[in-house]
N, C-alpha and C. Protein backbone atom coordinates (compact mmCIF):
# COMPACT_ATOMS: atom_id res chain seq x y z
N UNK A 1 0.86 -1.17 0.00
CA UNK A 1 0.00 0.00 0.00
C UNK A 1 0.91 1.24 0.00
N UNK A 2 0.63 2.21 -0.91
CA UNK A 2 1.43 3.43 -0.92
C UNK A 2 1.25 4.21 0.37
N UNK A 3 2.30 4.94 0.77
CA UNK A 3 2.27 5.74 1.99
C UNK A 3 1.13 6.75 1.97
N UNK A 4 0.77 7.28 0.77
CA UNK A 4 -0.30 8.27 0.66
C UNK A 4 -1.65 7.71 1.10
N UNK A 5 -1.82 6.37 1.04
CA UNK A 5 -3.07 5.76 1.48
C UNK A 5 -3.08 5.60 3.00
N UNK A 6 -1.91 5.37 3.60
CA UNK A 6 -1.83 5.18 5.04
C UNK A 6 -1.83 6.52 5.77
N UNK A 7 -1.23 7.54 5.19
CA UNK A 7 -1.13 8.87 5.78
C UNK A 7 -1.63 9.89 4.76
N UNK A 8 -2.94 10.05 4.61
CA UNK A 8 -3.46 10.95 3.59
C UNK A 8 -3.06 12.41 3.85
N UNK A 9 -2.98 13.20 2.78
CA UNK A 9 -2.57 14.60 2.91
C UNK A 9 -3.53 15.42 3.76
N UNK A 10 -2.98 16.47 4.39
CA UNK A 10 -3.75 17.37 5.24
C UNK A 10 -4.12 18.63 4.47
N UNK A 11 -4.87 19.52 5.10
CA UNK A 11 -5.28 20.80 4.53
C UNK A 11 -4.07 21.54 3.97
N UNK A 12 -4.17 21.98 2.71
CA UNK A 12 -3.09 22.73 2.05
C UNK A 12 -2.15 21.88 1.23
N UNK A 13 -2.15 20.56 1.43
CA UNK A 13 -1.25 19.67 0.69
C UNK A 13 -1.84 19.32 -0.67
N UNK A 14 -1.01 18.79 -1.55
CA UNK A 14 -1.48 18.32 -2.86
C UNK A 14 -2.19 16.99 -2.69
N UNK A 15 -3.14 16.74 -3.57
CA UNK A 15 -3.87 15.47 -3.61
C UNK A 15 -4.17 15.19 -5.08
N UNK A 16 -4.70 14.00 -5.38
CA UNK A 16 -5.06 13.67 -6.76
C UNK A 16 -6.04 12.50 -6.76
N UNK A 17 -7.35 12.78 -6.90
CA UNK A 17 -8.32 11.70 -6.87
C UNK A 17 -8.14 10.71 -8.02
N UNK A 18 -7.57 11.16 -9.13
CA UNK A 18 -7.33 10.26 -10.26
C UNK A 18 -6.26 9.22 -9.94
N UNK A 19 -5.36 9.57 -9.04
CA UNK A 19 -4.30 8.64 -8.62
C UNK A 19 -4.67 7.93 -7.32
N UNK A 20 -5.87 8.20 -6.79
CA UNK A 20 -6.31 7.58 -5.54
C UNK A 20 -5.75 8.24 -4.30
N UNK A 21 -5.18 9.43 -4.44
CA UNK A 21 -4.63 10.15 -3.30
C UNK A 21 -5.63 11.19 -2.84
N UNK A 22 -6.44 10.83 -1.84
CA UNK A 22 -7.43 11.75 -1.29
C UNK A 22 -6.90 12.32 0.01
N UNK A 23 -7.64 13.24 0.59
CA UNK A 23 -7.19 13.96 1.78
C UNK A 23 -7.67 13.28 3.07
N UNK A 24 -7.18 13.80 4.19
CA UNK A 24 -7.59 13.30 5.50
C UNK A 24 -9.10 13.49 5.68
N UNK A 25 -9.67 12.78 6.64
CA UNK A 25 -11.08 12.93 6.99
C UNK A 25 -11.33 14.39 7.36
N UNK A 26 -12.42 14.96 6.83
CA UNK A 26 -12.76 16.35 7.11
C UNK A 26 -12.09 17.33 6.17
N UNK A 27 -11.36 16.81 5.19
CA UNK A 27 -10.66 17.65 4.22
C UNK A 27 -11.03 17.16 2.82
N UNK A 28 -11.34 18.08 1.91
CA UNK A 28 -11.75 17.75 0.54
C UNK A 28 -10.59 17.95 -0.42
N UNK A 29 -10.56 17.16 -1.48
CA UNK A 29 -9.57 17.29 -2.55
C UNK A 29 -10.20 18.17 -3.63
N UNK A 30 -9.71 19.41 -3.77
CA UNK A 30 -10.33 20.44 -4.60
C UNK A 30 -9.57 20.59 -5.92
N UNK A 31 -10.32 20.71 -7.02
CA UNK A 31 -9.75 21.01 -8.34
C UNK A 31 -9.34 22.47 -8.30
N UNK A 32 -8.09 22.73 -7.92
CA UNK A 32 -7.64 24.08 -7.59
C UNK A 32 -7.34 24.95 -8.80
N UNK A 33 -6.66 24.40 -9.79
CA UNK A 33 -6.27 25.22 -10.95
C UNK A 33 -5.88 24.32 -12.11
N UNK A 34 -5.65 24.95 -13.26
CA UNK A 34 -5.15 24.25 -14.44
C UNK A 34 -3.71 24.68 -14.67
N UNK A 35 -2.85 23.71 -15.02
CA UNK A 35 -1.48 24.08 -15.34
C UNK A 35 -1.40 24.43 -16.83
N UNK A 36 -0.21 24.71 -17.33
CA UNK A 36 -0.01 25.15 -18.71
C UNK A 36 -0.51 24.12 -19.74
N UNK A 37 -0.50 22.84 -19.37
CA UNK A 37 -0.97 21.79 -20.29
C UNK A 37 -2.44 21.43 -20.05
N UNK A 38 -3.17 22.28 -19.33
CA UNK A 38 -4.59 22.10 -19.00
C UNK A 38 -4.86 20.88 -18.12
N UNK A 39 -3.85 20.47 -17.36
CA UNK A 39 -4.03 19.40 -16.39
C UNK A 39 -4.46 20.02 -15.06
N UNK A 40 -5.44 19.40 -14.40
CA UNK A 40 -5.95 19.93 -13.13
C UNK A 40 -4.93 19.70 -12.01
N UNK A 41 -4.68 20.75 -11.25
CA UNK A 41 -3.85 20.66 -10.05
C UNK A 41 -4.82 20.58 -8.86
N UNK A 42 -4.67 19.56 -8.03
CA UNK A 42 -5.57 19.31 -6.91
C UNK A 42 -4.91 19.72 -5.60
N UNK A 43 -5.73 20.19 -4.66
CA UNK A 43 -5.21 20.66 -3.37
C UNK A 43 -6.23 20.33 -2.27
N UNK A 44 -5.74 19.93 -1.10
CA UNK A 44 -6.61 19.64 0.05
C UNK A 44 -7.10 20.95 0.68
N UNK A 45 -8.40 20.99 0.99
CA UNK A 45 -9.03 22.15 1.61
C UNK A 45 -10.05 21.65 2.62
N UNK A 46 -10.11 22.26 3.78
CA UNK A 46 -11.05 21.84 4.82
C UNK A 46 -12.47 21.77 4.25
N UNK A 47 -13.14 20.65 4.44
CA UNK A 47 -14.53 20.46 3.97
C UNK A 47 -15.43 21.51 4.58
N UNK A 48 -16.38 22.03 3.80
CA UNK A 48 -17.30 23.04 4.28
C UNK A 48 -16.74 24.45 4.20
N UNK A 49 -15.56 24.61 3.59
CA UNK A 49 -14.92 25.92 3.51
C UNK A 49 -15.70 26.92 2.67
N UNK A 50 -16.40 26.45 1.66
CA UNK A 50 -17.17 27.34 0.80
C UNK A 50 -18.58 27.47 1.38
N UNK A 51 -19.07 28.69 1.53
CA UNK A 51 -20.40 28.96 2.10
C UNK A 51 -21.42 29.23 1.00
N UNK A 52 -22.70 29.10 1.30
CA UNK A 52 -23.78 29.34 0.35
C UNK A 52 -23.60 30.67 -0.36
N UNK A 53 -23.66 30.64 -1.69
CA UNK A 53 -23.55 31.84 -2.50
C UNK A 53 -22.13 32.28 -2.80
N UNK A 54 -21.14 31.63 -2.19
CA UNK A 54 -19.75 32.00 -2.44
C UNK A 54 -19.18 31.23 -3.62
N UNK A 55 -18.10 31.76 -4.19
CA UNK A 55 -17.38 31.06 -5.26
C UNK A 55 -16.81 29.76 -4.70
N UNK A 56 -16.76 28.72 -5.53
CA UNK A 56 -16.25 27.42 -5.10
C UNK A 56 -15.58 26.72 -6.27
N UNK A 57 -14.95 25.61 -5.96
CA UNK A 57 -14.34 24.74 -6.97
C UNK A 57 -14.81 23.31 -6.69
N UNK A 58 -14.99 22.50 -7.75
CA UNK A 58 -15.41 21.10 -7.55
C UNK A 58 -14.42 20.36 -6.65
N UNK A 59 -14.94 19.43 -5.84
CA UNK A 59 -14.09 18.72 -4.89
C UNK A 59 -14.66 17.34 -4.57
N UNK A 60 -13.78 16.47 -4.03
CA UNK A 60 -14.15 15.13 -3.55
C UNK A 60 -13.66 15.00 -2.12
N UNK A 61 -14.48 14.79 -1.09
CA UNK A 61 -15.93 15.02 -1.15
C UNK A 61 -16.22 16.52 -1.28
N UNK A 62 -17.48 16.84 -1.44
CA UNK A 62 -17.93 18.23 -1.63
C UNK A 62 -17.30 19.15 -0.59
N UNK A 63 -16.84 20.34 -1.02
CA UNK A 63 -16.21 21.30 -0.10
C UNK A 63 -17.15 22.43 0.30
N UNK A 64 -18.36 22.48 -0.28
CA UNK A 64 -19.34 23.49 0.12
C UNK A 64 -19.94 23.11 1.47
N UNK A 65 -20.49 24.10 2.16
CA UNK A 65 -21.11 23.84 3.46
C UNK A 65 -22.27 22.86 3.29
N UNK A 66 -22.65 22.21 4.36
CA UNK A 66 -23.69 21.19 4.36
C UNK A 66 -24.97 21.68 3.68
N UNK A 67 -25.57 20.82 2.84
CA UNK A 67 -26.81 21.17 2.14
C UNK A 67 -26.58 21.92 0.85
N UNK A 68 -25.31 22.09 0.46
CA UNK A 68 -24.95 22.80 -0.76
C UNK A 68 -24.05 21.94 -1.63
N UNK A 69 -23.91 22.33 -2.89
CA UNK A 69 -22.97 21.71 -3.80
C UNK A 69 -22.39 22.80 -4.68
N UNK A 70 -21.26 22.51 -5.30
CA UNK A 70 -20.60 23.49 -6.16
C UNK A 70 -21.19 23.40 -7.57
N UNK A 71 -22.01 24.37 -7.91
CA UNK A 71 -22.61 24.45 -9.25
C UNK A 71 -21.59 25.13 -10.14
N UNK A 72 -20.90 24.33 -10.95
CA UNK A 72 -19.82 24.84 -11.80
C UNK A 72 -20.23 24.81 -13.26
N UNK A 73 -19.49 25.52 -14.06
CA UNK A 73 -19.73 25.56 -15.49
C UNK A 73 -19.16 24.33 -16.18
N UNK A 74 -18.98 24.43 -17.48
CA UNK A 74 -18.40 23.35 -18.25
C UNK A 74 -17.18 23.89 -19.00
N UNK A 75 -16.39 23.00 -19.55
CA UNK A 75 -15.21 23.42 -20.28
C UNK A 75 -14.26 24.20 -19.40
N UNK A 76 -13.80 25.35 -19.90
CA UNK A 76 -12.85 26.17 -19.15
C UNK A 76 -13.45 26.70 -17.84
N UNK A 77 -14.78 26.81 -17.78
CA UNK A 77 -15.45 27.32 -16.58
C UNK A 77 -15.73 26.23 -15.55
N UNK A 78 -15.30 25.00 -15.82
CA UNK A 78 -15.61 23.88 -14.93
C UNK A 78 -14.97 24.01 -13.56
N UNK A 79 -13.94 24.81 -13.41
CA UNK A 79 -13.28 24.97 -12.12
C UNK A 79 -13.80 26.16 -11.34
N UNK A 80 -14.80 26.85 -11.88
CA UNK A 80 -15.36 28.02 -11.21
C UNK A 80 -16.84 27.82 -11.00
N UNK A 81 -17.26 27.84 -9.76
CA UNK A 81 -18.67 27.63 -9.47
C UNK A 81 -19.14 28.50 -8.32
N UNK A 82 -20.38 28.26 -7.92
CA UNK A 82 -21.01 28.97 -6.81
C UNK A 82 -21.66 27.92 -5.92
N UNK A 83 -21.46 28.00 -4.60
CA UNK A 83 -22.12 27.08 -3.67
C UNK A 83 -23.62 27.34 -3.72
N UNK A 84 -24.36 26.31 -4.06
CA UNK A 84 -25.79 26.41 -4.32
C UNK A 84 -26.53 25.36 -3.50
N UNK A 85 -27.70 25.71 -2.99
CA UNK A 85 -28.49 24.75 -2.22
C UNK A 85 -28.85 23.54 -3.08
N UNK A 86 -28.72 22.36 -2.49
CA UNK A 86 -29.11 21.13 -3.20
C UNK A 86 -30.62 21.15 -3.37
N UNK A 87 -31.13 20.92 -4.60
CA UNK A 87 -32.57 21.01 -4.85
C UNK A 87 -33.40 19.97 -4.10
N UNK A 88 -34.62 20.40 -3.72
CA UNK A 88 -35.61 19.52 -3.11
C UNK A 88 -36.39 18.79 -4.20
N UNK A 89 -37.24 17.86 -3.77
CA UNK A 89 -38.14 17.17 -4.69
C UNK A 89 -39.01 18.21 -5.40
N UNK A 90 -39.31 17.97 -6.64
CA UNK A 90 -40.14 18.80 -7.52
C UNK A 90 -39.39 20.04 -8.03
N UNK A 91 -38.07 20.11 -7.79
CA UNK A 91 -37.26 21.18 -8.36
C UNK A 91 -36.34 20.56 -9.42
N UNK A 92 -35.85 21.40 -10.33
CA UNK A 92 -34.90 20.92 -11.34
C UNK A 92 -33.67 20.36 -10.63
N UNK A 93 -33.13 19.26 -11.15
CA UNK A 93 -31.93 18.65 -10.57
C UNK A 93 -30.76 19.61 -10.69
N UNK A 94 -29.90 19.59 -9.70
CA UNK A 94 -28.68 20.37 -9.78
C UNK A 94 -27.72 19.68 -10.74
N UNK A 95 -26.81 20.44 -11.27
CA UNK A 95 -25.80 19.87 -12.17
C UNK A 95 -24.46 19.95 -11.48
N UNK A 96 -23.51 19.28 -11.98
CA UNK A 96 -22.18 19.26 -11.38
C UNK A 96 -21.67 17.84 -11.44
N UNK A 97 -21.02 17.39 -10.40
CA UNK A 97 -20.53 16.02 -10.35
C UNK A 97 -21.72 15.14 -10.00
N UNK A 98 -22.37 14.60 -11.02
CA UNK A 98 -23.60 13.84 -10.84
C UNK A 98 -24.79 14.77 -10.71
N UNK A 99 -25.97 14.28 -10.97
CA UNK A 99 -27.19 15.09 -10.82
C UNK A 99 -27.48 15.20 -9.34
N UNK A 100 -27.74 16.40 -8.88
CA UNK A 100 -27.89 16.67 -7.46
C UNK A 100 -29.36 16.78 -7.05
N UNK A 101 -29.73 16.07 -5.98
CA UNK A 101 -31.03 16.20 -5.32
C UNK A 101 -30.80 15.94 -3.83
N UNK A 102 -31.67 16.51 -2.99
CA UNK A 102 -31.55 16.30 -1.54
C UNK A 102 -31.71 14.82 -1.22
N UNK A 103 -31.20 14.42 -0.07
CA UNK A 103 -31.33 13.04 0.40
C UNK A 103 -32.79 12.63 0.38
N UNK A 104 -33.08 11.45 -0.12
CA UNK A 104 -34.45 10.95 -0.20
C UNK A 104 -35.09 11.23 -1.54
N UNK A 105 -34.35 11.87 -2.43
CA UNK A 105 -34.86 12.17 -3.77
C UNK A 105 -33.84 11.73 -4.81
N UNK A 106 -34.31 11.55 -6.03
CA UNK A 106 -33.47 11.11 -7.14
C UNK A 106 -33.81 11.96 -8.36
N UNK A 107 -32.85 12.17 -9.23
CA UNK A 107 -33.08 12.95 -10.44
C UNK A 107 -33.67 12.04 -11.52
N UNK A 108 -34.87 12.37 -11.98
CA UNK A 108 -35.53 11.61 -13.04
C UNK A 108 -35.94 12.59 -14.12
N UNK A 109 -35.36 12.44 -15.30
CA UNK A 109 -35.65 13.31 -16.43
C UNK A 109 -35.51 14.79 -16.07
N UNK A 110 -34.44 15.11 -15.33
CA UNK A 110 -34.13 16.50 -15.01
C UNK A 110 -34.88 17.10 -13.83
N UNK A 111 -35.72 16.30 -13.14
CA UNK A 111 -36.51 16.79 -12.02
C UNK A 111 -36.27 15.92 -10.79
N UNK A 112 -36.02 16.55 -9.64
CA UNK A 112 -35.85 15.78 -8.40
C UNK A 112 -37.20 15.21 -7.98
N UNK A 113 -37.22 13.91 -7.71
CA UNK A 113 -38.44 13.25 -7.27
C UNK A 113 -38.12 12.42 -6.03
N UNK A 114 -39.06 12.40 -5.07
CA UNK A 114 -38.88 11.56 -3.90
C UNK A 114 -38.83 10.11 -4.34
N UNK A 115 -38.03 9.30 -3.63
CA UNK A 115 -37.99 7.87 -3.93
C UNK A 115 -39.39 7.31 -3.82
N UNK A 116 -39.72 6.36 -4.67
CA UNK A 116 -41.05 5.76 -4.70
C UNK A 116 -41.12 4.53 -3.80
N UNK A 117 -42.27 4.36 -3.16
CA UNK A 117 -42.52 3.21 -2.30
C UNK A 117 -42.92 2.01 -3.17
N UNK A 118 -42.91 0.83 -2.57
CA UNK A 118 -43.33 -0.37 -3.29
C UNK A 118 -44.75 -0.20 -3.82
N UNK A 119 -44.97 -0.62 -5.06
CA UNK A 119 -46.28 -0.53 -5.70
C UNK A 119 -46.45 0.70 -6.57
N UNK A 120 -45.58 1.71 -6.40
CA UNK A 120 -45.67 2.93 -7.20
C UNK A 120 -44.95 2.68 -8.52
N UNK A 121 -45.51 3.19 -9.63
CA UNK A 121 -44.91 2.95 -10.94
C UNK A 121 -43.50 3.54 -11.01
N UNK A 122 -42.66 2.90 -11.81
CA UNK A 122 -41.27 3.31 -11.95
C UNK A 122 -40.76 2.95 -13.34
N UNK A 123 -39.66 3.59 -13.70
CA UNK A 123 -39.02 3.27 -14.98
C UNK A 123 -37.59 2.80 -14.78
N UNK A 124 -37.11 2.79 -13.54
CA UNK A 124 -35.75 2.33 -13.26
C UNK A 124 -35.55 2.06 -11.79
N UNK A 125 -34.59 1.21 -11.47
CA UNK A 125 -34.31 0.82 -10.09
C UNK A 125 -33.99 2.01 -9.19
N UNK A 126 -33.31 3.02 -9.74
CA UNK A 126 -32.87 4.14 -8.90
C UNK A 126 -34.03 5.00 -8.41
N UNK A 127 -35.23 4.83 -8.93
CA UNK A 127 -36.40 5.59 -8.50
C UNK A 127 -37.03 5.04 -7.23
N UNK A 128 -36.70 3.80 -6.87
CA UNK A 128 -37.38 3.09 -5.78
C UNK A 128 -36.56 3.04 -4.50
N UNK A 129 -37.26 3.17 -3.34
CA UNK A 129 -36.59 2.96 -2.06
C UNK A 129 -35.94 1.59 -2.02
N UNK A 130 -36.61 0.60 -2.58
CA UNK A 130 -36.10 -0.77 -2.57
C UNK A 130 -34.95 -0.96 -3.55
N UNK A 131 -34.72 0.03 -4.41
CA UNK A 131 -33.73 -0.04 -5.49
C UNK A 131 -34.05 -1.16 -6.47
N UNK A 132 -35.37 -1.47 -6.64
CA UNK A 132 -35.78 -2.48 -7.59
C UNK A 132 -37.10 -2.09 -8.22
N UNK A 133 -37.09 -1.86 -9.52
CA UNK A 133 -38.29 -1.61 -10.30
C UNK A 133 -38.67 -2.95 -10.91
N UNK A 134 -39.72 -3.55 -10.40
CA UNK A 134 -40.11 -4.91 -10.81
C UNK A 134 -40.51 -5.02 -12.27
N UNK A 135 -40.68 -6.24 -12.72
CA UNK A 135 -41.03 -6.51 -14.12
C UNK A 135 -42.40 -5.97 -14.48
N UNK A 136 -43.25 -5.70 -13.49
CA UNK A 136 -44.59 -5.15 -13.77
C UNK A 136 -44.57 -3.63 -13.89
N UNK A 137 -43.37 -3.00 -13.75
CA UNK A 137 -43.26 -1.56 -13.87
C UNK A 137 -43.54 -0.80 -12.59
N UNK A 138 -43.55 -1.52 -11.46
CA UNK A 138 -43.76 -0.87 -10.17
C UNK A 138 -42.64 -1.22 -9.21
N UNK A 139 -42.36 -0.32 -8.27
CA UNK A 139 -41.34 -0.62 -7.26
C UNK A 139 -41.76 -1.83 -6.46
N UNK A 140 -40.80 -2.69 -6.15
CA UNK A 140 -41.10 -3.94 -5.46
C UNK A 140 -39.92 -4.31 -4.58
N UNK A 141 -40.18 -5.17 -3.57
CA UNK A 141 -39.06 -5.63 -2.75
C UNK A 141 -38.09 -6.44 -3.61
N UNK A 142 -36.83 -6.29 -3.35
CA UNK A 142 -35.82 -7.06 -4.08
C UNK A 142 -35.72 -8.42 -3.39
N UNK A 143 -35.88 -9.45 -4.15
CA UNK A 143 -35.75 -10.81 -3.63
C UNK A 143 -34.27 -11.17 -3.52
N UNK A 144 -33.90 -12.13 -2.68
CA UNK A 144 -32.49 -12.44 -2.43
C UNK A 144 -31.66 -12.70 -3.68
N UNK A 145 -32.23 -13.26 -4.73
CA UNK A 145 -31.46 -13.60 -5.92
C UNK A 145 -31.60 -12.58 -7.04
N UNK A 146 -32.13 -11.41 -6.77
CA UNK A 146 -32.30 -10.39 -7.82
C UNK A 146 -31.17 -9.41 -7.79
């Protein structure tokens, strides 16, 4: 096991999620800048450092304060974002690293929806609390061999 896995970097140190080098618990690995060859330079930053409405950068895990995510642009603007509240059910899904919805909701066709209970119609496993959309098109309990 590499030393970086046994002693992960602290706040302010370099990290690289692509190489499996993440930061200590409570510290996020932030996409800090681009070098001359457009390669991302990563840096450890205390988790929750970015507050609602403030500028932020994408990170693993999220570096925005609780209940927020870094809504960043695409292309050259991908490293510049704003800490934005994670959307509730019935709101448009947030964009960024994965489609964003509050806990208990899932992004379906661009809209956050609460997870469906057994018997409620579904179009995919990720829509159901049980994580199983049965063959009849409704959420159902997952059997041991499914």
